[in-house]
């Protein structure tokens, strides 16, 4: 896939959805693509499925990262979404965007 080989920060202008437990939890026609991950604008994410997590990590070029646990139809996916609330300048394009992993289907 072309997108999986792209190491750069790019804006993707196609419909992309994040699905977990058979429920669409995010969809947007304008995502940011960084290191193979789609980042959805916060306003395009169904926040009723996100619960704040205490987990944090740090990336040397993106900065501090906070996580969300996803809860859908009685199932929980711990730390399956993340956000760089105040990214470093090199990752400014993902400010206000959320990424997904841990079994969340993004396509």
C-alpha atoms as a PDB file:
ATOM      1  CA  UNK A   1       0.000   0.000   0.000  1.00  0.00           C
ATOM      2  CA  UNK A   2       1.290   3.433  -0.882  1.00  0.00           C
ATOM      3  CA  UNK A   3       0.211   4.969   2.447  1.00  0.00           C
ATOM      4  CA  UNK A   4       2.037   2.392   4.551  1.00  0.00           C
ATOM      5  CA  UNK A   5       5.327   3.221   2.814  1.00  0.00           C
ATOM      6  CA  UNK A   6       5.054   6.988   3.287  1.00  0.00           C
ATOM      7  CA  UNK A   7       7.290   8.154   6.182  1.00  0.00           C
ATOM      8  CA  UNK A   8       6.292  11.800   5.929  1.00  0.00           C
ATOM      9  CA  UNK A   9       3.591  13.940   7.463  1.00  0.00           C
ATOM     10  CA  UNK A  10       0.839  14.256   4.877  1.00  0.00           C
ATOM     11  CA  UNK A  11      -2.758  15.389   4.774  1.00  0.00           C
ATOM     12  CA  UNK A  12      -4.997  12.668   3.360  1.00  0.00           C
ATOM     13  CA  UNK A  13      -8.155  13.776   1.573  1.00  0.00           C
ATOM     14  CA  UNK A  14     -10.187  10.569   1.306  1.00  0.00           C
ATOM     15  CA  UNK A  15     -12.893   9.121   3.546  1.00  0.00           C
ATOM     16  CA  UNK A  16     -11.242   7.201   6.368  1.00  0.00           C
ATOM     17  CA  UNK A  17     -13.058   5.366   9.178  1.00  0.00           C
ATOM     18  CA  UNK A  18     -11.964   3.897  12.511  1.00  0.00           C
ATOM     19  CA  UNK A  19     -14.063   0.881  13.513  1.00  0.00           C
ATOM     20  CA  UNK A  20     -13.934  -1.198  16.664  1.00  0.00           C
ATOM     21  CA  UNK A  21     -16.388  -3.833  17.878  1.00  0.00           C
ATOM     22  CA  UNK A  22     -18.449  -3.256  14.691  1.00  0.00           C
ATOM     23  CA  UNK A  23     -19.028   0.437  15.518  1.00  0.00           C
ATOM     24  CA  UNK A  24     -17.650   3.442  13.624  1.00  0.00           C
ATOM     25  CA  UNK A  25     -15.906   5.527  16.266  1.00  0.00           C
ATOM     26  CA  UNK A  26     -14.382   8.097  13.897  1.00  0.00           C
ATOM     27  CA  UNK A  27     -14.655   9.129  10.263  1.00  0.00           C
ATOM     28  CA  UNK A  28     -13.245  11.991   8.282  1.00  0.00           C
ATOM     29  CA  UNK A  29     -12.392  13.072   4.758  1.00  0.00           C
ATOM     30  CA  UNK A  30      -9.328  14.932   6.035  1.00  0.00           C
ATOM     31  CA  UNK A  31      -6.917  13.018   8.251  1.00  0.00           C
ATOM     32  CA  UNK A  32      -3.246  13.524   8.916  1.00  0.00           C
ATOM     33  CA  UNK A  33      -0.965  10.583   8.084  1.00  0.00           C
ATOM     34  CA  UNK A  34       2.198  10.252  10.182  1.00  0.00           C
ATOM     35  CA  UNK A  35       4.472   7.207  10.395  1.00  0.00           C
ATOM     36  CA  UNK A  36       1.778   4.994   8.875  1.00  0.00           C
ATOM     37  CA  UNK A  37      -0.947   6.107  11.289  1.00  0.00           C
ATOM     38  CA  UNK A  38      -4.080   8.073  10.450  1.00  0.00           C
ATOM     39  CA  UNK A  39      -4.856  10.921  12.858  1.00  0.00           C
ATOM     40  CA  UNK A  40      -8.511  11.983  12.877  1.00  0.00           C
ATOM     41  CA  UNK A  41      -9.598  15.544  13.677  1.00  0.00           C
ATOM     42  CA  UNK A  42     -10.988  15.542  17.223  1.00  0.00           C
ATOM     43  CA  UNK A  43     -14.369  16.858  16.039  1.00  0.00           C
ATOM     44  CA  UNK A  44     -14.756  13.770  13.789  1.00  0.00           C
ATOM     45  CA  UNK A  45     -14.389  11.305  16.668  1.00  0.00           C
ATOM     46  CA  UNK A  46     -17.422  10.022  18.597  1.00  0.00           C
ATOM     47  CA  UNK A  47     -16.198  11.058  22.018  1.00  0.00           C
ATOM     48  CA  UNK A  48     -18.880   9.087  23.860  1.00  0.00           C
ATOM     49  CA  UNK A  49     -16.722   5.997  23.179  1.00  0.00           C
ATOM     50  CA  UNK A  50     -13.526   7.490  24.660  1.00  0.00           C
ATOM     51  CA  UNK A  51     -12.568   7.420  28.336  1.00  0.00           C
ATOM     52  CA  UNK A  52      -9.481   9.241  29.617  1.00  0.00           C
ATOM     53  CA  UNK A  53      -6.589   6.967  30.546  1.00  0.00           C
ATOM     54  CA  UNK A  54      -3.777   7.734  32.966  1.00  0.00           C
ATOM     55  CA  UNK A  55      -1.252   6.320  30.474  1.00  0.00           C
ATOM     56  CA  UNK A  56       1.255   8.744  28.968  1.00  0.00           C
ATOM     57  CA  UNK A  57       4.304   8.291  26.754  1.00  0.00           C
ATOM     58  CA  UNK A  58       6.849  10.586  25.141  1.00  0.00           C
ATOM     59  CA  UNK A  59       8.118  10.704  21.562  1.00  0.00           C
ATOM     60  CA  UNK A  60      11.348  12.569  20.853  1.00  0.00           C
ATOM     61  CA  UNK A  61       9.944  14.430  17.849  1.00  0.00           C
ATOM     62  CA  UNK A  62       6.182  14.525  18.596  1.00  0.00           C
ATOM     63  CA  UNK A  63       6.247  15.195  22.363  1.00  0.00           C
ATOM     64  CA  UNK A  64       3.983  14.036  25.198  1.00  0.00           C
ATOM     65  CA  UNK A  65       1.194  11.635  24.332  1.00  0.00           C
ATOM     66  CA  UNK A  66      -2.021  10.946  26.268  1.00  0.00           C
ATOM     67  CA  UNK A  67      -4.248   7.908  25.788  1.00  0.00           C
ATOM     68  CA  UNK A  68      -7.916   6.999  25.781  1.00  0.00           C
ATOM     69  CA  UNK A  69      -9.577   3.684  26.493  1.00  0.00           C
ATOM     70  CA  UNK A  70     -12.323   2.830  24.015  1.00  0.00           C
ATOM     71  CA  UNK A  71     -15.609   1.444  25.349  1.00  0.00           C
ATOM     72  CA  UNK A  72     -18.150   0.110  22.837  1.00  0.00           C
ATOM     73  CA  UNK A  73     -21.153  -2.147  23.504  1.00  0.00           C
ATOM     74  CA  UNK A  74     -19.822  -3.317  26.856  1.00  0.00           C
ATOM     75  CA  UNK A  75     -16.314  -4.100  25.574  1.00  0.00           C
ATOM     76  CA  UNK A  76     -13.169  -2.217  26.586  1.00  0.00           C
ATOM     77  CA  UNK A  77      -9.974  -1.612  24.577  1.00  0.00           C
ATOM     78  CA  UNK A  78      -7.433  -0.065  26.974  1.00  0.00           C
ATOM     79  CA  UNK A  79      -5.263   2.748  25.618  1.00  0.00           C
ATOM     80  CA  UNK A  80      -6.394   2.097  22.031  1.00  0.00           C
ATOM     81  CA  UNK A  81      -6.531   5.783  21.084  1.00  0.00           C
ATOM     82  CA  UNK A  82      -3.968   8.515  21.609  1.00  0.00           C
ATOM     83  CA  UNK A  83      -3.499  12.237  21.229  1.00  0.00           C
ATOM     84  CA  UNK A  84      -0.601  14.692  21.237  1.00  0.00           C
ATOM     85  CA  UNK A  85      -2.407  17.627  22.862  1.00  0.00           C
ATOM     86  CA  UNK A  86       0.546  19.996  22.555  1.00  0.00           C
ATOM     87  CA  UNK A  87       2.917  18.409  20.027  1.00  0.00           C
ATOM     88  CA  UNK A  88       6.423  19.601  19.310  1.00  0.00           C
ATOM     89  CA  UNK A  89       6.814  21.852  16.216  1.00  0.00           C
ATOM     90  CA  UNK A  90       7.751  18.965  13.892  1.00  0.00           C
ATOM     91  CA  UNK A  91       4.359  17.347  14.574  1.00  0.00           C
ATOM     92  CA  UNK A  92       2.208  20.477  14.709  1.00  0.00           C
ATOM     93  CA  UNK A  93      -0.098  19.032  12.032  1.00  0.00           C
ATOM     94  CA  UNK A  94      -1.466  16.413  14.479  1.00  0.00           C
ATOM     95  CA  UNK A  95      -2.488  18.851  17.194  1.00  0.00           C
ATOM     96  CA  UNK A  96      -6.187  18.263  17.860  1.00  0.00           C
ATOM     97  CA  UNK A  97      -6.093  14.847  16.156  1.00  0.00           C
ATOM     98  CA  UNK A  98      -6.544  11.329  17.536  1.00  0.00           C
ATOM     99  CA  UNK A  99      -4.848   8.116  16.386  1.00  0.00           C
ATOM    100  CA  UNK A 100      -5.985   4.521  16.919  1.00  0.00           C
ATOM    101  CA  UNK A 101      -4.403   1.082  17.272  1.00  0.00           C
ATOM    102  CA  UNK A 102      -4.832  -2.169  19.256  1.00  0.00           C
ATOM    103  CA  UNK A 103      -7.307  -3.795  16.908  1.00  0.00           C
ATOM    104  CA  UNK A 104      -9.142  -0.663  15.779  1.00  0.00           C
ATOM    105  CA  UNK A 105      -9.618  -1.048  12.023  1.00  0.00           C
ATOM    106  CA  UNK A 106      -8.652   2.097  10.130  1.00  0.00           C
ATOM    107  CA  UNK A 107      -9.315   2.201   6.417  1.00  0.00           C
END
